[in-house]
Amino acid sequence: MIRLPVDPDVADVAPNESTMTTYDEQHVVTYIRLLQADSEGADWREVARIVLHIDPEHEPDRASNAYQSHLARAKWMTEQGRLLRGTGSN
């Protein structure tokens, strides 16, 4: 069984490739947490602090950019049908 990192640090910007990347595979849990927080209407600043490990008080632009790009990537992953099914073909 493959073990996914539960709470990995994130890059300043999520990947923007047209296919799932190694980074995406390593951050599946992060993406799920972002999607859940978004669906619950959580404050993005709190999510950035807790999930992305970026303090929006000290680094507001970095936190906002990381949050927006990772949330967009998480949504792309679900829209493409890959997040919950893994890297297998459709």
C-alpha atoms as a PDB file:
ATOM      1  CA  MET A   1       0.000   0.000   0.000  1.00  0.00           C
ATOM      2  CA  ILE A   2       1.281   3.461  -0.928  1.00  0.00           C
ATOM      3  CA  ARG A   3       1.509   5.903   1.979  1.00  0.00           C
ATOM      4  CA  LEU A   4       0.676   9.490   1.118  1.00  0.00           C
ATOM      5  CA  PRO A   5       2.171  12.319   3.136  1.00  0.00           C
ATOM      6  CA  VAL A   6      -0.541  13.562   5.489  1.00  0.00           C
ATOM      7  CA  ASP A   7       0.620  17.137   5.964  1.00  0.00           C
ATOM      8  CA  PRO A   8       3.379  17.988   3.463  1.00  0.00           C
ATOM      9  CA  ASP A   9       4.776  21.457   2.890  1.00  0.00           C
ATOM     10  CA  VAL A  10       3.664  23.028  -0.365  1.00  0.00           C
ATOM     11  CA  ALA A  11       5.317  24.960  -3.168  1.00  0.00           C
ATOM     12  CA  ASP A  12       4.452  28.622  -3.597  1.00  0.00           C
ATOM     13  CA  VAL A  13       2.395  27.700  -6.663  1.00  0.00           C
ATOM     14  CA  ALA A  14       0.740  24.394  -7.540  1.00  0.00           C
ATOM     15  CA  PRO A  15       1.614  22.657 -10.813  1.00  0.00           C
ATOM     16  CA  ASN A  16      -0.203  23.718 -13.947  1.00  0.00           C
ATOM     17  CA  GLU A  17       0.544  20.667 -16.107  1.00  0.00           C
ATOM     18  CA  SER A  18      -2.163  19.035 -18.196  1.00  0.00           C
ATOM     19  CA  THR A  19      -1.431  15.689 -16.519  1.00  0.00           C
ATOM     20  CA  MET A  20      -1.117  14.558 -12.932  1.00  0.00           C
ATOM     21  CA  THR A  21       2.396  15.131 -11.572  1.00  0.00           C
ATOM     22  CA  THR A  22       4.474  13.553  -8.818  1.00  0.00           C
ATOM     23  CA  TYR A  23       3.808  16.730  -6.812  1.00  0.00           C
ATOM     24  CA  ASP A  24       0.056  16.145  -7.245  1.00  0.00           C
ATOM     25  CA  GLU A  25       0.405  12.552  -6.069  1.00  0.00           C
ATOM     26  CA  GLN A  26       2.287  13.725  -2.986  1.00  0.00           C
ATOM     27  CA  HIS A  27      -0.333  16.385  -2.211  1.00  0.00           C
ATOM     28  CA  VAL A  28      -3.576  14.449  -2.669  1.00  0.00           C
ATOM     29  CA  VAL A  29      -4.375  14.842   1.031  1.00  0.00           C
ATOM     30  CA  THR A  30      -3.676  18.579   0.786  1.00  0.00           C
ATOM     31  CA  TYR A  31      -6.044  18.871  -2.169  1.00  0.00           C
ATOM     32  CA  ILE A  32      -8.777  16.971  -0.353  1.00  0.00           C
ATOM     33  CA  ARG A  33      -8.385  19.191   2.714  1.00  0.00           C
ATOM     34  CA  LEU A  34      -8.595  22.315   0.532  1.00  0.00           C
ATOM     35  CA  LEU A  35     -11.725  21.089  -1.223  1.00  0.00           C
ATOM     36  CA  GLN A  36     -13.364  20.210   2.072  1.00  0.00           C
ATOM     37  CA  ALA A  37     -12.509  23.588   3.600  1.00  0.00           C
ATOM     38  CA  ASP A  38     -13.795  25.365   0.481  1.00  0.00           C
ATOM     39  CA  SER A  39     -17.065  23.434   0.551  1.00  0.00           C
ATOM     40  CA  GLU A  40     -17.517  24.389   4.209  1.00  0.00           C
ATOM     41  CA  GLY A  41     -16.874  28.074   3.502  1.00  0.00           C
ATOM     42  CA  ALA A  42     -13.719  28.237   5.641  1.00  0.00           C
ATOM     43  CA  ASP A  43     -11.742  31.470   5.668  1.00  0.00           C
ATOM     44  CA  TRP A  44      -8.905  31.125   3.160  1.00  0.00           C
ATOM     45  CA  ARG A  45      -6.441  32.685   5.606  1.00  0.00           C
ATOM     46  CA  GLU A  46      -7.108  29.989   8.184  1.00  0.00           C
ATOM     47  CA  VAL A  47      -6.794  27.310   5.510  1.00  0.00           C
ATOM     48  CA  ALA A  48      -3.511  28.774   4.274  1.00  0.00           C
ATOM     49  CA  ARG A  49      -2.143  28.739   7.805  1.00  0.00           C
ATOM     50  CA  ILE A  50      -3.306  25.241   8.749  1.00  0.00           C
ATOM     51  CA  VAL A  51      -3.204  23.300   5.488  1.00  0.00           C
ATOM     52  CA  LEU A  52      -0.511  25.098   3.504  1.00  0.00           C
ATOM     53  CA  HIS A  53       1.695  26.139   6.460  1.00  0.00           C
ATOM     54  CA  ILE A  54       1.914  29.735   5.219  1.00  0.00           C
ATOM     55  CA  ASP A  55       1.128  32.602   7.583  1.00  0.00           C
ATOM     56  CA  PRO A  56      -1.120  35.077   5.731  1.00  0.00           C
ATOM     57  CA  GLU A  57      -0.343  37.782   8.306  1.00  0.00           C
ATOM     58  CA  HIS A  58       3.379  37.751   7.505  1.00  0.00           C
ATOM     59  CA  GLU A  59       3.222  36.682   3.838  1.00  0.00           C
ATOM     60  CA  PRO A  60      -0.195  37.729   2.497  1.00  0.00           C
ATOM     61  CA  ASP A  61       0.666  37.593  -1.212  1.00  0.00           C
ATOM     62  CA  ARG A  62       2.453  34.257  -0.964  1.00  0.00           C
ATOM     63  CA  ALA A  63      -0.371  32.788   1.122  1.00  0.00           C
ATOM     64  CA  SER A  64      -3.065  34.026  -1.254  1.00  0.00           C
ATOM     65  CA  ASN A  65      -1.236  32.835  -4.377  1.00  0.00           C
ATOM     66  CA  ALA A  66      -0.506  29.417  -2.882  1.00  0.00           C
ATOM     67  CA  TYR A  67      -4.077  29.026  -1.673  1.00  0.00           C
ATOM     68  CA  GLN A  68      -5.625  30.058  -4.999  1.00  0.00           C
ATOM     69  CA  SER A  69      -3.306  27.935  -7.146  1.00  0.00           C
ATOM     70  CA  HIS A  70      -3.609  24.821  -4.963  1.00  0.00           C
ATOM     71  CA  LEU A  71      -7.393  25.123  -4.715  1.00  0.00           C
ATOM     72  CA  ALA A  72      -7.614  25.567  -8.493  1.00  0.00           C
ATOM     73  CA  ARG A  73      -5.401  22.506  -8.959  1.00  0.00           C
ATOM     74  CA  ALA A  74      -7.542  20.490  -6.540  1.00  0.00           C
ATOM     75  CA  LYS A  75     -10.662  21.456  -8.487  1.00  0.00           C
ATOM     76  CA  TRP A  76      -8.954  20.594 -11.773  1.00  0.00           C
ATOM     77  CA  MET A  77      -8.028  17.197 -10.378  1.00  0.00           C
ATOM     78  CA  THR A  78     -11.629  16.450  -9.429  1.00  0.00           C
ATOM     79  CA  GLU A  79     -13.022  17.829 -12.694  1.00  0.00           C
ATOM     80  CA  GLN A  80     -10.641  15.594 -14.601  1.00  0.00           C
ATOM     81  CA  GLY A  81     -11.770  12.666 -12.457  1.00  0.00           C
ATOM     82  CA  ARG A  82      -8.290  11.867 -11.191  1.00  0.00           C
ATOM     83  CA  LEU A  83      -8.203  12.951  -7.557  1.00  0.00           C
ATOM     84  CA  LEU A  84     -10.227  10.122  -6.104  1.00  0.00           C
ATOM     85  CA  ARG A  85      -9.367   7.494  -8.711  1.00  0.00           C
ATOM     86  CA  GLY A  86      -5.612   7.964  -8.699  1.00  0.00           C
ATOM     87  CA  THR A  87      -3.418   8.048 -11.776  1.00  0.00           C
ATOM     88  CA  GLY A  88      -5.160   5.291 -13.722  1.00  0.00           C
ATOM     89  CA  SER A  89      -6.649   5.997 -17.121  1.00  0.00           C
ATOM     90  CA  ASN A  90     -10.260   7.131 -17.468  1.00  0.00           C
END
